[in-house]
Amino acid sequence: MEQMKKEIKIIVERHSEGYVAYPIGLKGVVVGEGNTYEEALADVKSAIKFHIETFGEEDIETEDIMETFVAEVVV
């Protein structure tokens, strides 16, 4: 049985040592890394597929996300 394709929003951060990418709306910790933006996206996509195969699609909550914001606070 083929899985339905889902659109998942990804945050990509650029750091001095490379890129880090992680999904929004997916329960659990899923992170991708790479030396380039494209490598980080490919790595997180692979990690998301593995997460879904392992834990199932019920961990995806993308339908409830209406908007995504990036905010900054001082702690």
Protein backbone atom coordinates (compact mmCIF):
# COMPACT_ATOMS: atom_id res chain seq x y z
CA MET A 1 0.00 0.00 0.00
CA GLU A 2 1.39 3.40 -1.03
CA GLN A 3 1.54 6.23 1.50
CA MET A 4 -0.23 9.50 0.76
CA LYS A 5 2.19 12.32 0.16
CA LYS A 6 2.12 15.10 2.74
CA GLU A 7 3.43 18.63 2.51
CA ILE A 8 5.50 19.46 5.58
CA LYS A 9 6.99 22.87 6.38
CA ILE A 10 10.70 22.81 7.16
CA ILE A 11 12.76 25.35 9.10
CA VAL A 12 16.34 25.63 7.84
CA GLU A 13 18.97 27.40 9.93
CA ARG A 14 22.37 28.44 8.64
CA HIS A 15 25.18 28.15 11.18
CA SER A 16 28.91 28.76 10.84
CA GLU A 17 29.50 24.98 10.67
CA GLY A 18 26.66 24.18 8.20
CA TYR A 19 22.89 23.93 7.96
CA VAL A 20 20.30 22.39 10.28
CA ALA A 21 16.74 21.59 9.16
CA TYR A 22 13.72 20.43 11.12
CA PRO A 23 10.00 20.01 10.38
CA ILE A 24 7.09 21.89 11.88
CA GLY A 25 4.10 19.89 13.06
CA LEU A 26 5.76 16.52 13.51
CA LYS A 27 5.74 15.01 17.00
CA GLY A 28 9.14 13.87 18.19
CA VAL A 29 12.59 15.05 17.31
CA VAL A 30 13.50 14.95 13.63
CA VAL A 31 16.57 16.89 12.47
CA GLY A 32 18.63 16.99 9.29
CA GLU A 33 22.10 18.44 8.83
CA GLY A 34 24.35 19.25 5.91
CA ASN A 35 27.15 21.42 4.61
CA THR A 36 24.68 23.05 2.20
CA TYR A 37 21.01 24.06 2.29
CA GLU A 38 20.18 21.26 -0.18
CA GLU A 39 22.05 18.62 1.86
CA ALA A 40 20.19 19.61 5.03
CA LEU A 41 16.82 19.42 3.23
CA ALA A 42 17.65 16.02 1.76
CA ASP A 43 18.78 14.76 5.16
CA VAL A 44 15.66 15.97 6.99
CA LYS A 45 13.43 14.52 4.24
CA SER A 46 15.09 11.14 4.75
CA ALA A 47 14.70 11.47 8.53
CA ILE A 48 10.99 12.35 8.16
CA LYS A 49 10.38 9.31 5.94
CA PHE A 50 12.12 7.07 8.49
CA HIS A 51 10.11 8.63 11.34
CA ILE A 52 6.80 8.02 9.50
CA GLU A 53 7.77 4.44 8.62
CA THR A 54 8.70 3.79 12.26
CA PHE A 55 5.95 5.63 14.15
CA GLY A 56 3.19 6.10 11.57
CA GLU A 57 1.49 9.10 10.03
CA GLU A 58 -0.54 9.91 13.15
CA ASP A 59 2.47 11.91 14.41
CA ILE A 60 1.95 14.49 11.66
CA GLU A 61 -0.12 17.50 12.70
CA THR A 62 0.34 19.74 9.65
CA GLU A 63 -3.40 20.22 9.01
CA ASP A 64 -3.78 22.11 12.29
CA ILE A 65 -1.03 24.62 11.44
CA MET A 66 -2.56 27.72 9.90
CA GLU A 67 0.55 29.91 9.94
CA THR A 68 4.15 29.67 11.02
CA PHE A 69 6.03 32.54 12.63
CA VAL A 70 9.62 33.09 13.63
CA ALA A 71 9.82 35.20 16.79
CA GLU A 72 12.58 36.40 19.04
CA VAL A 73 12.48 36.74 22.81
CA VAL A 74 15.04 37.67 25.43
CA VAL A 75 15.39 35.19 28.31
